[in-house]
Protein backbone atom coordinates (compact mmCIF):
# COMPACT_ATOMS: atom_id res chain seq x y z
CA MET A 1 -7.43 -35.86 -19.39
CA ARG A 2 -5.44 -33.59 -17.42
CA GLU A 3 -1.98 -34.09 -16.35
CA GLN A 4 -2.91 -33.13 -13.01
CA ILE A 5 -5.88 -34.92 -11.90
CA GLY A 6 -8.26 -34.72 -9.29
CA GLY A 7 -11.20 -37.06 -7.74
CA VAL A 8 -13.05 -37.15 -11.02
CA GLU A 9 -10.31 -37.92 -13.54
CA ARG A 10 -9.05 -40.36 -10.87
CA PHE A 11 -12.82 -42.44 -10.94
CA ALA A 12 -12.18 -41.78 -15.00
CA ARG A 13 -9.14 -43.50 -15.19
CA GLU A 14 -9.88 -46.19 -13.05
CA MET A 15 -13.35 -47.42 -15.10
CA ALA A 16 -11.54 -46.78 -18.19
CA ARG A 17 -9.11 -49.41 -17.17
CA HIS A 18 -11.12 -51.76 -14.88
CA LEU A 19 -14.51 -51.97 -17.23
CA PRO A 20 -12.46 -53.21 -20.23
CA ALA A 21 -10.73 -55.77 -18.23
CA LEU A 22 -13.78 -56.86 -16.72
CA ARG A 23 -15.63 -57.53 -20.46
CA PRO A 24 -13.27 -56.63 -23.12
CA ASP A 25 -15.85 -57.75 -25.52
CA ARG A 26 -18.62 -54.92 -24.09
CA TYR A 27 -16.42 -51.86 -23.52
CA ARG A 28 -14.08 -50.00 -26.11
CA VAL A 29 -12.39 -46.70 -24.68
CA ILE A 30 -12.64 -43.42 -26.54
CA ARG A 31 -10.03 -40.89 -25.41
CA PRO A 32 -9.71 -37.40 -26.35
CA PRO A 33 -6.36 -36.24 -27.62
CA ALA A 34 -3.82 -35.75 -25.36
CA GLY A 35 -3.76 -32.17 -23.61
CA LEU A 36 -7.23 -31.28 -24.84
CA ALA A 37 -9.21 -29.83 -21.59
CA HIS A 38 -11.71 -27.10 -20.88
CA ARG A 39 -13.35 -25.28 -23.83
CA ALA A 40 -11.56 -27.59 -26.42
CA GLY A 41 -12.49 -30.82 -24.67
CA HIS A 42 -16.23 -29.82 -24.30
CA LEU A 43 -16.08 -29.30 -27.73
CA TRP A 44 -14.68 -32.60 -28.58
CA GLU A 45 -17.19 -34.31 -26.38
CA GLN A 46 -19.92 -32.89 -27.86
CA VAL A 47 -19.20 -33.30 -31.39
CA ILE A 48 -16.35 -35.86 -31.87
CA LEU A 49 -17.02 -38.18 -29.71
CA PRO A 50 -20.60 -39.53 -31.11
CA LEU A 51 -18.80 -39.72 -34.43
CA HIS A 52 -16.49 -42.02 -32.80
CA ALA A 53 -19.35 -43.70 -30.79
CA ALA A 54 -21.58 -43.92 -33.69
CA ARG A 55 -21.95 -47.75 -33.41
CA ALA A 56 -22.32 -48.25 -29.91
CA GLU A 57 -25.83 -48.48 -28.05
CA LEU A 58 -24.35 -46.76 -25.27
CA ILE A 59 -21.81 -44.39 -24.31
CA TYR A 60 -20.49 -44.35 -20.44
CA SER A 61 -19.44 -41.19 -19.50
CA PRO A 62 -17.54 -41.06 -16.35
CA ALA A 63 -17.18 -37.39 -15.70
CA ASN A 64 -20.44 -35.20 -14.91
CA LEU A 65 -20.75 -34.59 -18.53
CA ALA A 66 -21.82 -36.30 -22.16
CA PRO A 67 -22.70 -35.90 -25.48
CA VAL A 68 -25.83 -34.22 -24.99
CA LEU A 69 -27.73 -35.11 -28.41
CA SER A 70 -26.81 -38.63 -27.41
CA ARG A 71 -30.12 -40.75 -26.29
CA GLY A 72 -27.46 -43.71 -25.04
CA ASN A 73 -26.10 -42.05 -22.39
CA VAL A 74 -24.85 -43.53 -19.21
CA LEU A 75 -23.83 -40.55 -16.92
CA VAL A 76 -21.88 -40.40 -13.85
CA LEU A 77 -22.90 -37.29 -12.04
CA HIS A 78 -20.30 -37.13 -9.05
CA ASP A 79 -22.24 -33.91 -7.49
CA LEU A 80 -23.58 -30.72 -8.06
CA ALA A 81 -21.26 -28.28 -6.43
CA ALA A 82 -21.35 -25.81 -9.54
CA LEU A 83 -25.29 -25.58 -8.87
CA ARG A 84 -25.33 -25.64 -5.02
CA HIS A 85 -22.22 -23.46 -4.54
CA PRO A 86 -21.73 -21.14 -7.84
CA GLU A 87 -19.97 -18.55 -5.75
CA ALA A 88 -16.94 -21.33 -5.78
CA TYR A 89 -17.06 -21.10 -9.84
CA SER A 90 -16.23 -18.82 -12.59
CA PRO A 91 -19.47 -17.64 -14.00
CA THR A 92 -18.87 -19.13 -17.44
CA TYR A 93 -18.48 -22.58 -15.67
CA VAL A 94 -21.66 -22.53 -13.71
CA ARG A 95 -23.47 -20.96 -16.91
CA TYR A 96 -22.49 -24.05 -18.75
CA GLN A 97 -23.27 -26.58 -15.80
CA ARG A 98 -26.69 -24.85 -15.46
CA LEU A 99 -27.48 -25.59 -19.26
CA MET A 100 -26.03 -28.98 -19.52
CA LEU A 101 -26.73 -30.77 -16.66
CA PRO A 102 -30.59 -30.73 -16.57
CA ALA A 103 -30.45 -31.41 -20.23
CA LEU A 104 -28.09 -34.72 -19.91
CA ALA A 105 -30.28 -35.86 -16.97
CA GLY A 106 -33.48 -35.90 -18.65
CA ARG A 107 -32.17 -37.46 -21.90
CA ALA A 108 -29.62 -40.01 -19.96
CA ARG A 109 -30.46 -43.84 -20.13
CA LEU A 110 -28.98 -44.01 -16.84
CA LEU A 111 -27.93 -41.86 -14.32
CA ILE A 112 -25.29 -43.11 -11.42
CA THR A 113 -23.66 -40.97 -8.62
CA VAL A 114 -21.31 -41.76 -5.99
CA SER A 115 -22.84 -41.45 -3.02
CA GLU A 116 -26.59 -41.21 -1.51
CA PHE A 117 -26.06 -37.72 -0.64
CA SER A 118 -25.24 -36.65 -4.12
CA LYS A 119 -28.21 -38.87 -5.27
CA ALA A 120 -30.32 -36.49 -2.87
CA GLU A 121 -28.79 -33.37 -4.49
CA LEU A 122 -29.97 -35.04 -8.05
CA LEU A 123 -33.20 -35.53 -6.85
CA GLU A 124 -33.93 -32.04 -5.68
CA LEU A 125 -32.12 -29.87 -7.93
CA LEU A 126 -32.75 -31.75 -10.97
CA ASP A 127 -36.17 -32.83 -9.92
CA LEU A 128 -35.63 -36.43 -10.57
CA ASP A 129 -37.37 -39.67 -9.48
CA PRO A 130 -35.17 -41.62 -7.10
CA ALA A 131 -35.79 -44.82 -9.30
CA ASP A 132 -33.78 -43.02 -12.18
CA VAL A 133 -30.60 -42.48 -10.31
CA LEU A 134 -28.21 -45.50 -9.12
CA VAL A 135 -25.75 -45.16 -6.47
CA ILE A 136 -22.22 -46.87 -7.09
CA PRO A 137 -19.62 -45.53 -4.87
CA GLU A 138 -15.98 -44.87 -5.99
CA GLY A 139 -13.31 -46.90 -4.94
CA VAL A 140 -9.75 -47.00 -3.27
CA GLY A 141 -6.29 -48.33 -5.83
CA GLU A 142 -4.06 -51.06 -4.74
CA GLU A 143 -1.40 -48.68 -4.82
CA PHE A 144 -2.48 -47.33 -1.91
CA THR A 145 -0.74 -48.88 1.38
CA PRO A 146 1.45 -47.84 4.12
CA GLN A 147 4.63 -46.91 2.70
CA SER A 148 7.74 -44.57 2.94
CA GLU A 149 9.33 -42.39 0.63
CA GLU A 150 10.55 -39.76 3.73
CA PRO A 151 13.81 -38.99 2.03
CA VAL A 152 12.15 -37.89 -1.39
CA LEU A 153 9.23 -35.95 0.14
CA ARG A 154 12.01 -34.23 2.62
CA THR A 155 13.91 -33.23 -0.74
CA ARG A 156 10.99 -32.52 -3.06
CA TYR A 157 8.71 -30.74 -0.61
CA GLY A 158 10.77 -29.80 2.07
CA LEU A 159 8.65 -31.67 4.95
CA GLU A 160 11.43 -31.84 7.49
CA ARG A 161 8.54 -31.90 10.33
CA PRO A 162 5.75 -33.82 11.52
CA TYR A 163 2.83 -32.65 9.09
CA VAL A 164 -0.88 -33.20 9.01
CA LEU A 165 -2.05 -33.21 5.06
CA THR A 166 -5.34 -31.54 3.58
CA LEU A 167 -5.53 -32.10 0.11
CA GLY A 168 -7.91 -30.99 -3.07
CA THR A 169 -8.03 -28.84 -5.77
CA VAL A 170 -8.30 -25.09 -3.95
CA SER A 171 -11.93 -24.30 -4.10
CA ALA A 172 -13.98 -22.19 -1.75
CA ARG A 173 -16.15 -24.89 -1.00
CA LYS A 174 -13.13 -26.85 0.26
CA ASN A 175 -13.34 -24.63 3.48
CA LEU A 176 -9.85 -24.41 4.15
CA GLY A 177 -9.67 -21.06 6.27
CA VAL A 178 -11.16 -22.90 8.83
CA LEU A 179 -7.80 -24.89 9.46
CA ALA A 180 -6.02 -21.34 10.53
CA THR A 181 -6.68 -22.16 13.90
CA ALA A 182 -5.48 -25.61 13.79
CA ALA A 183 -2.26 -24.64 11.90
CA ARG A 184 -1.36 -22.57 14.81
CA ALA A 185 -1.78 -25.05 17.51
CA LEU A 186 -0.19 -27.78 15.49
CA ALA A 187 2.97 -25.73 15.04
CA GLU A 188 3.43 -24.83 18.44
CA ARG A 189 3.63 -28.68 18.85
CA GLY A 190 6.24 -28.89 15.99
CA VAL A 191 3.74 -30.16 13.30
CA ASP A 192 3.28 -28.72 9.87
CA LEU A 193 -0.57 -28.40 8.29
CA VAL A 194 0.20 -28.61 4.88
CA LEU A 195 -2.00 -28.28 1.62
CA ALA A 196 -1.38 -30.46 -1.28
CA GLY A 197 -3.15 -29.69 -4.68
CA SER A 198 -3.63 -27.47 -7.77
CA ASP A 199 -5.52 -24.39 -8.54
CA ARG A 200 -8.13 -24.38 -11.47
CA GLY A 201 -8.98 -21.20 -13.89
CA TYR A 202 -12.78 -21.86 -13.08
CA LEU A 203 -12.40 -22.19 -9.55
CA ARG A 204 -12.94 -19.47 -6.87
CA ALA A 205 -11.07 -19.30 -3.62
CA PRO A 206 -9.91 -16.60 -0.87
CA GLU A 207 -6.17 -16.71 -0.06
CA VAL A 208 -5.17 -19.65 1.89
CA ALA A 209 -3.01 -19.38 5.04
CA LEU A 210 -1.47 -22.52 4.96
CA ARG A 211 1.90 -23.82 3.72
CA ARG A 212 1.34 -24.86 0.02
CA LEU A 213 2.86 -28.36 -1.62
CA GLY A 214 1.34 -27.42 -4.93
CA TYR A 215 0.48 -30.51 -6.84
CA VAL A 216 1.86 -34.02 -5.71
CA ALA A 217 2.69 -36.49 -8.37
CA GLU A 218 0.81 -39.64 -8.61
CA GLU A 219 3.25 -41.49 -7.77
CA LEU A 220 4.21 -40.08 -4.52
CA LEU A 221 0.19 -39.74 -3.28
CA PRO A 222 0.63 -43.13 -0.96
CA ALA A 223 3.87 -41.87 0.75
CA LEU A 224 2.24 -38.49 1.43
CA TYR A 225 -0.47 -40.04 3.06
CA SER A 226 1.31 -42.71 5.02
CA GLU A 227 3.96 -40.04 6.35
CA ALA A 228 1.04 -37.65 7.44
CA VAL A 229 0.03 -37.66 11.26
CA ALA A 230 -3.45 -37.20 9.89
CA LEU A 231 -5.41 -36.32 6.63
CA VAL A 232 -7.82 -33.28 7.40
CA MET A 233 -10.67 -32.71 4.93
CA PRO A 234 -12.73 -29.66 6.08
CA SER A 235 -14.91 -29.13 2.89
CA ARG A 236 -18.48 -28.02 3.06
CA TYR A 237 -19.52 -29.73 -0.05
CA GLU A 238 -17.88 -33.14 -1.31
CA GLY A 239 -20.04 -35.88 -3.57
CA PHE A 240 -17.75 -38.11 -2.17
CA GLY A 241 -14.45 -37.29 -0.25
CA LEU A 242 -12.15 -40.20 -2.24
CA PRO A 243 -9.06 -38.65 -0.23
CA CYS A 244 -10.54 -39.75 3.08
CA LEU A 245 -10.48 -43.40 2.20
CA GLU A 246 -7.03 -43.19 -0.04
CA ALA A 247 -5.68 -41.81 3.51
CA MET A 248 -7.34 -44.93 5.27
CA ALA A 249 -5.61 -47.40 3.00
CA CYS A 250 -2.49 -46.17 3.87
CA GLY A 251 -2.92 -46.15 7.72
CA THR A 252 -3.64 -42.83 8.56
CA PRO A 253 -5.90 -41.49 10.53
CA VAL A 254 -9.13 -38.91 9.10
CA VAL A 255 -10.48 -35.89 10.68
CA ALA A 256 -13.47 -34.71 8.15
CA ALA A 257 -16.32 -32.20 8.40
CA ARG A 258 -19.38 -33.44 9.18
CA SER A 259 -20.86 -32.11 5.67
CA GLY A 260 -21.94 -33.60 2.08
CA ALA A 261 -20.92 -37.02 1.75
CA LEU A 262 -18.23 -37.06 4.00
CA PRO A 263 -20.18 -38.56 6.97
CA GLU A 264 -21.27 -41.27 4.47
CA THR A 265 -17.75 -42.27 3.07
CA VAL A 266 -15.72 -41.70 6.35
CA ALA A 267 -18.45 -43.29 8.97
CA GLU A 268 -17.34 -44.29 12.22
CA ALA A 269 -13.74 -45.09 10.99
CA GLY A 270 -12.67 -41.13 11.21
CA VAL A 271 -13.23 -38.14 13.34
CA LEU A 272 -16.27 -35.92 12.47
CA VAL A 273 -16.59 -32.23 13.31
CA ASP A 274 -18.83 -28.96 12.41
CA PRO A 275 -17.54 -27.58 9.23
CA GLY A 276 -17.71 -24.10 10.87
CA ASP A 277 -16.08 -24.60 13.83
CA PRO A 278 -12.12 -23.78 14.18
CA SER A 279 -11.65 -24.98 17.27
CA ALA A 280 -13.14 -28.31 16.62
CA PHE A 281 -10.75 -29.19 13.81
CA ALA A 282 -7.89 -28.02 15.97
CA GLU A 283 -8.97 -29.99 19.13
CA ALA A 284 -9.17 -33.14 16.92
CA LEU A 285 -6.05 -32.95 15.29
CA LEU A 286 -4.19 -32.32 18.62
CA GLY A 287 -6.00 -35.27 19.97
CA LEU A 288 -4.40 -37.61 17.29
CA VAL A 289 -0.85 -35.71 17.78
CA ASP A 290 -1.07 -36.43 21.76
CA ASP A 291 -3.25 -39.64 22.10
CA GLU A 292 -1.20 -42.87 20.29
CA ALA A 293 -3.90 -45.23 21.51
CA ALA A 294 -6.73 -42.92 19.67
CA ARG A 295 -4.41 -42.98 16.50
CA GLU A 296 -3.95 -46.68 16.54
CA ARG A 297 -7.64 -47.17 16.65
CA LEU A 298 -8.67 -44.79 13.67
CA VAL A 299 -5.73 -46.38 11.67
CA ALA A 300 -7.21 -49.95 12.28
CA ALA A 301 -10.79 -49.13 11.63
CA GLY A 302 -9.77 -46.69 8.63
CA ARG A 303 -8.17 -49.52 6.89
CA ARG A 304 -10.91 -51.81 7.55
CA ARG A 305 -13.36 -49.39 5.91
CA ALA A 306 -11.23 -48.40 2.99
CA GLY A 307 -10.81 -52.39 2.23
CA ALA A 308 -14.64 -52.30 1.36
CA PHE A 309 -13.95 -49.93 -1.33
CA PRO A 310 -11.95 -51.60 -4.25
CA TRP A 311 -12.37 -50.05 -7.87
CA SER A 312 -13.60 -53.73 -8.76
CA ARG A 313 -16.38 -53.38 -6.97
CA THR A 314 -17.17 -50.15 -8.74
CA ALA A 315 -16.35 -51.76 -12.12
CA GLU A 316 -18.75 -54.63 -11.29
CA LEU A 317 -21.56 -52.79 -10.09
CA THR A 318 -21.21 -50.34 -13.09
CA ASP A 319 -21.02 -53.39 -15.66
CA GLU A 320 -24.09 -54.85 -13.80
CA ALA A 321 -26.11 -51.85 -14.42
CA ILE A 322 -25.06 -51.61 -18.08
CA ALA A 323 -25.85 -55.23 -18.72
CA GLN A 324 -29.41 -54.59 -17.62
CA LEU A 325 -30.25 -51.75 -19.87
CA LEU A 326 -28.70 -53.68 -22.98
CA GLY A 327 -30.65 -57.08 -21.88
CA GLU A 328 -29.36 -60.50 -21.21
CA SER A 329 -30.57 -61.63 -24.73
CA GLN A 330 -29.19 -58.58 -27.05
CA PRO A 331 -25.88 -59.13 -29.32
CA ARG A 332 -23.46 -56.65 -28.27
CA ALA A 333 -23.13 -53.50 -30.19
CA PRO A 334 -20.47 -53.61 -32.74
CA GLY A 335 -18.83 -50.34 -31.51
CA GLY A 336 -18.67 -51.67 -27.71
CA VAL A 337 -19.99 -49.16 -24.96
């Protein structure tokens, strides 16, 4: 797994922890060598992983790709961003996704995705039957609770003033340019708008006129959310939008684009605005800066919303689906899943 992880890697890590804890007799975790990623990682996945899993009846792959020749794949496809928005990715990455995803979808024993939005994308772009795709939402870790590490954040990232946070890998589909108006308006009120997240070589993005923190260490993420005035997520395309729920769990109000899966994830617990309207983002964020009562309402609603999405629920729903594939009367496969 990458040293700098995003939402898909977090999902994979949590399922690798929760599924064996739930049913140690059913699951065995097979990890690639440390530091293996990109092309070498894909080669390991296609050649070495099937050899390690040769005795297993099923291979559960939680991160968008799986061994294409396996007839036992249980595959989690989080979204089809590379097919829907190829301009946001390198040509090589898009070609690989266009080759692999239809083949994997057509051969999988079970396809899982993380939102009704992503299910609709899979049905349309991969020409699937609705009965062939199961929706199991992502979750929120127990570590995401309100907490304070202000001295550490101030020292390590120079966060001297109140700040609004946006978080994610930098990509054209994240629509970060729409926040320039909000950043200027907030600065006039003494509030910074900061971007936390890393670049990746296969992602394409225009220059971002926001203050960048770079990748923030996992252990500091709960505090980074908790200390923020708000989280803003302006993406035009998200398969789920996990930072929204993580921020809510930390007691931070959320402003998100009315686009992709974000309305489904945020629901009534955040403020949703037109992804193409810079003034709407500025107005929503300034409203949270100025209106303490509105903030408190969103904080309470957000914590209730996030509380409905524990990772244990994701694992339990996944295990139920896998149990149905295996059959109640079937013996456990010698190699696990």
